[in-house]
Amino acid sequence: MSSLVPVVYYGGFLVLFFFWIYGIVSFGLDVKNKVIPGIKQYRRGRKRQKAKQEHEQEQNEQEQQLY
């Protein structure tokens, strides 16, 4: 009986440690595969929107200068 206690004790820690590491790795992969691409896409969209606004503003200025 006394040799069973350490086996159960360390076995339990091993199981908890496995799920703890699994959670950390899963979080890292989620950040790498979902969050970072989402941020990059958001920045590209903002950059395109800004360039489009600048282009429209330049067109409006040119139209106003023609009148």
Protein backbone atom coordinates (compact mmCIF):
# COMPACT_ATOMS: atom_id res chain seq x y z
CA MET A 1 0.00 0.00 0.00
CA SER A 2 2.79 2.41 0.81
CA SER A 3 4.32 2.08 -2.66
CA LEU A 4 0.96 2.84 -4.28
CA VAL A 5 0.67 6.30 -2.72
CA PRO A 6 3.73 7.79 -4.44
CA VAL A 7 2.71 6.26 -7.76
CA VAL A 8 -0.77 7.79 -7.54
CA TYR A 9 0.67 11.07 -6.25
CA TYR A 10 3.25 11.45 -9.02
CA GLY A 11 0.86 10.04 -11.61
CA GLY A 12 -1.67 12.72 -10.69
CA PHE A 13 0.96 15.43 -10.98
CA LEU A 14 2.02 14.04 -14.34
CA VAL A 15 -1.57 14.18 -15.62
CA LEU A 16 -2.06 17.73 -14.33
CA PHE A 17 1.30 18.80 -15.77
CA PHE A 18 0.36 17.29 -19.16
CA PHE A 19 -2.88 19.28 -19.35
CA TRP A 20 -1.12 22.42 -18.13
CA ILE A 21 1.50 22.13 -20.89
CA TYR A 22 -1.22 21.23 -23.41
CA GLY A 23 -3.09 24.43 -22.48
CA ILE A 24 0.01 26.59 -22.88
CA VAL A 25 0.89 25.04 -26.25
CA SER A 26 -2.71 25.34 -27.44
CA PHE A 27 -2.81 29.01 -26.44
CA GLY A 28 0.47 29.66 -28.25
CA LEU A 29 -0.78 28.01 -31.42
CA ASP A 30 -4.06 29.96 -31.25
CA VAL A 31 -2.12 33.21 -30.96
CA LYS A 32 0.16 32.21 -33.83
CA ASN A 33 -2.57 30.98 -36.17
CA LYS A 34 -5.54 33.23 -35.35
CA VAL A 35 -4.65 36.37 -33.43
CA ILE A 36 -1.51 37.45 -35.30
CA PRO A 37 -3.04 36.91 -38.79
CA GLY A 38 -6.14 38.79 -37.62
CA ILE A 39 -4.04 41.74 -36.49
CA LYS A 40 -2.11 41.72 -39.77
CA GLN A 41 -5.35 41.65 -41.78
CA TYR A 42 -6.77 44.51 -39.69
CA ARG A 43 -3.65 46.61 -40.28
CA ARG A 44 -3.72 45.92 -44.05
CA GLY A 45 -7.38 46.93 -44.17
CA ARG A 46 -6.71 50.14 -42.28
CA LYS A 47 -3.78 50.93 -44.58
CA ARG A 48 -5.92 50.35 -47.69
CA GLN A 49 -8.74 52.44 -46.24
CA LYS A 50 -6.34 55.29 -45.49
CA ALA A 51 -4.83 55.13 -48.98
CA LYS A 52 -8.31 55.12 -50.52
CA GLN A 53 -9.32 58.16 -48.48
CA GLU A 54 -6.16 60.01 -49.49
CA HIS A 55 -6.79 59.16 -53.14
CA GLU A 56 -10.39 60.40 -52.93
CA GLN A 57 -9.24 63.55 -51.18
CA GLU A 58 -6.70 64.23 -53.93
CA GLN A 59 -9.39 63.69 -56.57
CA ASN A 60 -11.72 66.12 -54.80
CA GLU A 61 -8.96 68.73 -54.59
CA GLN A 62 -8.20 68.34 -58.30
CA GLU A 63 -11.91 68.65 -59.18
CA GLN A 64 -12.22 71.77 -57.07
CA GLN A 65 -9.18 73.30 -58.75
CA LEU A 66 -10.76 72.69 -62.16
CA TYR A 67 -13.80 74.80 -61.27
